[in-house]
Amino acid sequence: MTETPATEQPNTDAELSQEQVALLEDMEEAMRDVVDPELGINVVDLGLVYGMRLEEEVAVLDMTLTSAACPLTDVIEDQSRNALVRSGLVEDLKINWVWMPPWGPDKITDDGREQLRALGFTV
């Protein structure tokens, strides 16, 4: 992820249990199956997932898009729901779409850059 790894995200005032840390790691890995439909790269390596936490059995994601005018928000929401809820990792999903800080190529992980280069992009 771009700012703070899932395992370091604040959950509540309480410390995270080992089970919660493991679940957050599983959630982050599952989100690698969510692919930006325009670029063909997963949303984690693109740096679109700014944070994730658990509220009871609900996964709460802070995410952005490459463009605020992205017409494919529903596709990414559906893929995220499949990856997290329908897979049985969590009971429900809430996505907070955030626009600050704005997304930029600096948020792409090294793996994401390699994938983009393989597709012919210069990054």
Foldseek 3Di string as FASTA:
>chain_A
DFDDQALPDDADPDHDDPVQSVLSVLLLVLQQQQADVVQRGGQVQQLQFPYWYDDPQEIETEGEDLDPPDPCPVSSVVSSCCSCCVVPSGPYYHYDYDCPPHRDSVRHHPVRCVVNVVVPDDD
